[in-house]
C-alpha cells in the first residue's frame, strides 16, 4: 500500500512513541514486581541524571496525566498506528484529538519544569530536550489532521450541494 509522506512520518512517530510510553513513561505506575531490571535501570538512570522533578515528586496532577497516558494515549496511539497501516482517513479524527490532548499535557509539564526551584538550569535544559520536541510534534499533528478532516468535509459538502441542485 502506498502511504502519503505525512502518513509515513506518522507511522514512524507512533512506532517510536508506543514503546517509549509503554516501557519508559509508564514505569512509575507499573507494579514494581513486573518491571524488568533493564527498564528499572533505565528509569533510575533518567531520574539520577536528569533530575526530572515531575517524575520524582509525581504531583497529583502529573499522576492524572500518567493515568490518561496509560488508558487513553497508549491505546489511541496503537489504534492510530493500526488505522494508518490499514489506510483511509478514519484515524484522522483520533490524531486530531490525540495531538490536542498531548499538546495540552506536554505544555503543562514544560511550564511546571521551567519554574521548578529544585532543578538547576542545566537540568531543566536537559529535561526540556525530552519534552519540547513533543510540544512541537503534537500541535502540528492536531492542526494537520484538522485540515485533512476539513478538506474531506468540504468535498462532502460540495458533493451534497451538487446532488441537491440536480
C-alpha atoms as a PDB file:
ATOM      1  CA  UNK A   1       0.000   0.000   0.000  1.00  0.00           C
ATOM      2  CA  UNK A   2       1.250   3.478  -0.803  1.00  0.00           C
ATOM      3  CA  UNK A   3       1.285   5.897   2.100  1.00  0.00           C
ATOM      4  CA  UNK A   4       1.452   9.659   1.873  1.00  0.00           C
ATOM      5  CA  UNK A   5       4.620  11.285   3.159  1.00  0.00           C
ATOM      6  CA  UNK A   6       2.688  12.524   6.193  1.00  0.00           C
ATOM      7  CA  UNK A   7       1.397   9.037   6.951  1.00  0.00           C
ATOM      8  CA  UNK A   8       4.908   7.600   6.658  1.00  0.00           C
ATOM      9  CA  UNK A   9       6.075  10.176   9.205  1.00  0.00           C
ATOM     10  CA  UNK A  10       3.142   9.373  11.486  1.00  0.00           C
ATOM     11  CA  UNK A  11       3.866   5.640  11.237  1.00  0.00           C
ATOM     12  CA  UNK A  12       7.499   6.254  12.179  1.00  0.00           C
ATOM     13  CA  UNK A  13       6.464   8.544  15.029  1.00  0.00           C
ATOM     14  CA  UNK A  14       3.965   6.083  16.506  1.00  0.00           C
ATOM     15  CA  UNK A  15       6.366   3.147  16.048  1.00  0.00           C
ATOM     16  CA  UNK A  16       8.762   5.073  18.306  1.00  0.00           C
ATOM     17  CA  UNK A  17       6.144   6.601  20.606  1.00  0.00           C
ATOM     18  CA  UNK A  18       4.284   3.417  21.590  1.00  0.00           C
ATOM     19  CA  UNK A  19       7.226   1.538  23.167  1.00  0.00           C
ATOM     20  CA  UNK A  20       8.539   4.718  24.830  1.00  0.00           C
ATOM     21  CA  UNK A  21       5.185   5.305  26.510  1.00  0.00           C
ATOM     22  CA  UNK A  22       4.738   1.664  27.498  1.00  0.00           C
ATOM     23  CA  UNK A  23       8.260   0.992  28.705  1.00  0.00           C
ATOM     24  CA  UNK A  24       9.583   4.382  29.833  1.00  0.00           C
ATOM     25  CA  UNK A  25       6.833   6.886  30.641  1.00  0.00           C
ATOM     26  CA  UNK A  26       4.529   4.437  32.402  1.00  0.00           C
ATOM     27  CA  UNK A  27       7.179   2.740  34.571  1.00  0.00           C
ATOM     28  CA  UNK A  28       6.011   4.729  37.650  1.00  0.00           C
ATOM     29  CA  UNK A  29       2.569   3.111  37.534  1.00  0.00           C
ATOM     30  CA  UNK A  30       3.698  -0.446  36.822  1.00  0.00           C
ATOM     31  CA  UNK A  31       3.758  -2.787  39.822  1.00  0.00           C
ATOM     32  CA  UNK A  32       7.446  -2.906  40.808  1.00  0.00           C
ATOM     33  CA  UNK A  33       7.486  -6.721  40.652  1.00  0.00           C
ATOM     34  CA  UNK A  34       6.624  -6.609  36.923  1.00  0.00           C
ATOM     35  CA  UNK A  35       9.336  -4.160  35.883  1.00  0.00           C
ATOM     36  CA  UNK A  36      12.247  -5.943  34.198  1.00  0.00           C
ATOM     37  CA  UNK A  37      15.630  -4.985  35.646  1.00  0.00           C
ATOM     38  CA  UNK A  38      16.847  -3.229  32.462  1.00  0.00           C
ATOM     39  CA  UNK A  39      13.755  -0.993  32.371  1.00  0.00           C
ATOM     40  CA  UNK A  40      14.120  -0.176  36.061  1.00  0.00           C
ATOM     41  CA  UNK A  41      17.789   0.655  35.470  1.00  0.00           C
ATOM     42  CA  UNK A  42      16.812   2.967  32.592  1.00  0.00           C
ATOM     43  CA  UNK A  43      14.226   4.676  34.803  1.00  0.00           C
ATOM     44  CA  UNK A  44      16.773   5.146  37.606  1.00  0.00           C
ATOM     45  CA  UNK A  45      19.350   6.457  35.098  1.00  0.00           C
ATOM     46  CA  UNK A  46      16.847   9.047  33.867  1.00  0.00           C
ATOM     47  CA  UNK A  47      15.933  10.179  37.386  1.00  0.00           C
ATOM     48  CA  UNK A  48      19.542  10.254  38.578  1.00  0.00           C
ATOM     49  CA  UNK A  49      20.925  12.087  35.550  1.00  0.00           C
ATOM     50  CA  UNK A  50      18.083  14.384  34.525  1.00  0.00           C
ATOM     51  CA  UNK A  51      16.541  15.141  37.944  1.00  0.00           C
ATOM     52  CA  UNK A  52      13.080  15.395  36.350  1.00  0.00           C
ATOM     53  CA  UNK A  53      11.126  16.635  39.330  1.00  0.00           C
ATOM     54  CA  UNK A  54       7.807  15.697  37.758  1.00  0.00           C
ATOM     55  CA  UNK A  55       8.856  12.051  37.723  1.00  0.00           C
ATOM     56  CA  UNK A  56      10.496  12.319  41.151  1.00  0.00           C
ATOM     57  CA  UNK A  57       7.782  14.243  43.023  1.00  0.00           C
ATOM     58  CA  UNK A  58       4.855  12.880  40.987  1.00  0.00           C
ATOM     59  CA  UNK A  59       2.354  15.583  41.960  1.00  0.00           C
ATOM     60  CA  UNK A  60      -1.293  14.555  41.814  1.00  0.00           C
ATOM     61  CA  UNK A  61      -1.939  16.299  38.500  1.00  0.00           C
ATOM     62  CA  UNK A  62       1.066  14.516  36.958  1.00  0.00           C
ATOM     63  CA  UNK A  63      -0.300  11.179  38.183  1.00  0.00           C
ATOM     64  CA  UNK A  64      -3.577  12.044  36.444  1.00  0.00           C
ATOM     65  CA  UNK A  65      -1.614  12.714  33.247  1.00  0.00           C
ATOM     66  CA  UNK A  66       0.052   9.294  33.621  1.00  0.00           C
ATOM     67  CA  UNK A  67      -3.404   7.746  34.015  1.00  0.00           C
ATOM     68  CA  UNK A  68      -4.517   9.404  30.759  1.00  0.00           C
ATOM     69  CA  UNK A  69      -1.296   8.305  29.107  1.00  0.00           C
ATOM     70  CA  UNK A  70      -1.920   4.692  30.149  1.00  0.00           C
ATOM     71  CA  UNK A  71      -5.631   4.496  29.415  1.00  0.00           C
ATOM     72  CA  UNK A  72      -6.072   6.908  26.512  1.00  0.00           C
ATOM     73  CA  UNK A  73      -2.777   7.903  24.868  1.00  0.00           C
ATOM     74  CA  UNK A  74      -1.261   4.431  24.625  1.00  0.00           C
ATOM     75  CA  UNK A  75      -4.400   2.649  23.333  1.00  0.00           C
ATOM     76  CA  UNK A  76      -5.154   5.571  20.997  1.00  0.00           C
ATOM     77  CA  UNK A  77      -1.591   5.536  19.658  1.00  0.00           C
ATOM     78  CA  UNK A  78      -1.862   1.813  18.916  1.00  0.00           C
ATOM     79  CA  UNK A  79      -5.263   2.289  17.268  1.00  0.00           C
ATOM     80  CA  UNK A  80      -3.976   5.236  15.196  1.00  0.00           C
ATOM     81  CA  UNK A  81      -0.877   3.296  14.110  1.00  0.00           C
ATOM     82  CA  UNK A  82      -3.011   0.346  13.002  1.00  0.00           C
ATOM     83  CA  UNK A  83      -5.524   2.685  11.349  1.00  0.00           C
ATOM     84  CA  UNK A  84      -2.824   4.368   9.283  1.00  0.00           C
ATOM     85  CA  UNK A  85      -1.489   0.952   8.252  1.00  0.00           C
ATOM     86  CA  UNK A  86      -4.985  -0.070   7.105  1.00  0.00           C
ATOM     87  CA  UNK A  87      -5.285   3.109   5.039  1.00  0.00           C
ATOM     88  CA  UNK A  88      -8.155   5.517   4.713  1.00  0.00           C
ATOM     89  CA  UNK A  89      -8.965   8.540   6.792  1.00  0.00           C
ATOM     90  CA  UNK A  90     -10.620   7.067   9.883  1.00  0.00           C
ATOM     91  CA  UNK A  91      -7.590   7.755  12.084  1.00  0.00           C
ATOM     92  CA  UNK A  92      -7.526  11.486  11.301  1.00  0.00           C
ATOM     93  CA  UNK A  93     -10.134  12.400  13.919  1.00  0.00           C
ATOM     94  CA  UNK A  94      -8.257  10.406  16.532  1.00  0.00           C
ATOM     95  CA  UNK A  95      -4.939  12.023  15.586  1.00  0.00           C
ATOM     96  CA  UNK A  96      -6.561  15.443  15.897  1.00  0.00           C
ATOM     97  CA  UNK A  97      -7.876  14.618  19.389  1.00  0.00           C
ATOM     98  CA  UNK A  98      -4.668  12.835  20.387  1.00  0.00           C
ATOM     99  CA  UNK A  99      -2.489  15.721  19.223  1.00  0.00           C
ATOM    100  CA  UNK A 100      -4.642  18.235  21.082  1.00  0.00           C
ATOM    101  CA  UNK A 101      -4.663  16.321  24.376  1.00  0.00           C
ATOM    102  CA  UNK A 102      -0.941  15.585  24.173  1.00  0.00           C
ATOM    103  CA  UNK A 103      -0.165  19.227  23.374  1.00  0.00           C
ATOM    104  CA  UNK A 104      -2.006  20.336  26.488  1.00  0.00           C
ATOM    105  CA  UNK A 105      -0.339  17.835  28.808  1.00  0.00           C
ATOM    106  CA  UNK A 106       3.125  18.460  27.342  1.00  0.00           C
ATOM    107  CA  UNK A 107       2.851  22.245  27.615  1.00  0.00           C
ATOM    108  CA  UNK A 108       1.675  21.974  31.233  1.00  0.00           C
ATOM    109  CA  UNK A 109       4.692  19.787  32.044  1.00  0.00           C
ATOM    110  CA  UNK A 110       7.054  22.250  30.348  1.00  0.00           C
ATOM    111  CA  UNK A 111       5.566  25.167  32.284  1.00  0.00           C
ATOM    112  CA  UNK A 112       5.991  23.278  35.551  1.00  0.00           C
ATOM    113  CA  UNK A 113       9.577  22.279  34.796  1.00  0.00           C
ATOM    114  CA  UNK A 114      10.532  25.838  33.836  1.00  0.00           C
ATOM    115  CA  UNK A 115       9.564  27.157  37.264  1.00  0.00           C
ATOM    116  CA  UNK A 116      10.741  24.238  39.439  1.00  0.00           C
ATOM    117  CA  UNK A 117      13.108  25.556  42.133  1.00  0.00           C
ATOM    118  CA  UNK A 118      14.649  22.110  42.742  1.00  0.00           C
ATOM    119  CA  UNK A 119      16.250  21.879  39.298  1.00  0.00           C
ATOM    120  CA  UNK A 120      19.338  23.643  38.013  1.00  0.00           C
ATOM    121  CA  UNK A 121      19.256  25.480  34.688  1.00  0.00           C
ATOM    122  CA  UNK A 122      21.279  22.667  33.116  1.00  0.00           C
ATOM    123  CA  UNK A 123      18.871  20.007  34.444  1.00  0.00           C
ATOM    124  CA  UNK A 124      15.908  21.994  33.137  1.00  0.00           C
ATOM    125  CA  UNK A 125      17.535  22.262  29.719  1.00  0.00           C
ATOM    126  CA  UNK A 126      18.261  18.525  29.658  1.00  0.00           C
ATOM    127  CA  UNK A 127      14.689  17.632  30.626  1.00  0.00           C
ATOM    128  CA  UNK A 128      13.361  20.105  28.063  1.00  0.00           C
ATOM    129  CA  UNK A 129      15.124  18.056  25.390  1.00  0.00           C
ATOM    130  CA  UNK A 130      12.725  15.243  26.318  1.00  0.00           C
ATOM    131  CA  UNK A 131       9.582  17.418  26.269  1.00  0.00           C
ATOM    132  CA  UNK A 132       9.995  20.212  23.707  1.00  0.00           C
ATOM    133  CA  UNK A 133      10.113  18.029  20.563  1.00  0.00           C
ATOM    134  CA  UNK A 134       6.703  16.663  21.536  1.00  0.00           C
ATOM    135  CA  UNK A 135       5.427  20.202  22.170  1.00  0.00           C
ATOM    136  CA  UNK A 136       6.220  20.811  18.505  1.00  0.00           C
ATOM    137  CA  UNK A 137       5.044  17.489  17.045  1.00  0.00           C
ATOM    138  CA  UNK A 138       1.678  17.227  18.833  1.00  0.00           C
ATOM    139  CA  UNK A 139       0.175  20.583  17.767  1.00  0.00           C
ATOM    140  CA  UNK A 140       1.386  20.023  14.206  1.00  0.00           C
ATOM    141  CA  UNK A 141      -0.348  16.627  14.289  1.00  0.00           C
ATOM    142  CA  UNK A 142      -3.573  18.141  15.641  1.00  0.00           C
ATOM    143  CA  UNK A 143      -3.701  21.004  13.140  1.00  0.00           C
ATOM    144  CA  UNK A 144      -2.593  18.895  10.164  1.00  0.00           C
ATOM    145  CA  UNK A 145      -5.312  16.332  10.806  1.00  0.00           C
ATOM    146  CA  UNK A 146      -7.913  19.028  11.421  1.00  0.00           C
ATOM    147  CA  UNK A 147      -7.017  20.418   7.983  1.00  0.00           C
ATOM    148  CA  UNK A 148      -7.301  16.925   6.471  1.00  0.00           C
ATOM    149  CA  UNK A 149     -10.729  16.460   8.063  1.00  0.00           C
ATOM    150  CA  UNK A 150     -11.875  19.907   6.919  1.00  0.00           C
ATOM    151  CA  UNK A 151     -10.805  19.022   3.375  1.00  0.00           C
ATOM    152  CA  UNK A 152     -12.851  15.810   3.419  1.00  0.00           C
ATOM    153  CA  UNK A 153     -15.861  17.634   4.875  1.00  0.00           C
ATOM    154  CA  UNK A 154     -15.605  20.373   2.249  1.00  0.00           C
ATOM    155  CA  UNK A 155     -15.604  17.733  -0.509  1.00  0.00           C
ATOM    156  CA  UNK A 156     -18.618  16.025   1.045  1.00  0.00           C
ATOM    157  CA  UNK A 157     -20.422  19.364   1.382  1.00  0.00           C
ATOM    158  CA  UNK A 158     -19.771  20.259  -2.272  1.00  0.00           C
ATOM    159  CA  UNK A 159     -20.984  16.826  -3.382  1.00  0.00           C
ATOM    160  CA  UNK A 160     -24.133  17.187  -1.281  1.00  0.00           C
ATOM    161  CA  UNK A 161     -24.806  20.659  -2.685  1.00  0.00           C
ATOM    162  CA  UNK A 162     -24.314  19.412  -6.267  1.00  0.00           C
ATOM    163  CA  UNK A 163     -26.608  16.467  -5.622  1.00  0.00           C
ATOM    164  CA  UNK A 164     -29.227  18.737  -4.069  1.00  0.00           C
ATOM    165  CA  UNK A 165     -29.011  21.110  -7.043  1.00  0.00           C
ATOM    166  CA  UNK A 166     -29.640  18.337  -9.596  1.00  0.00           C
END
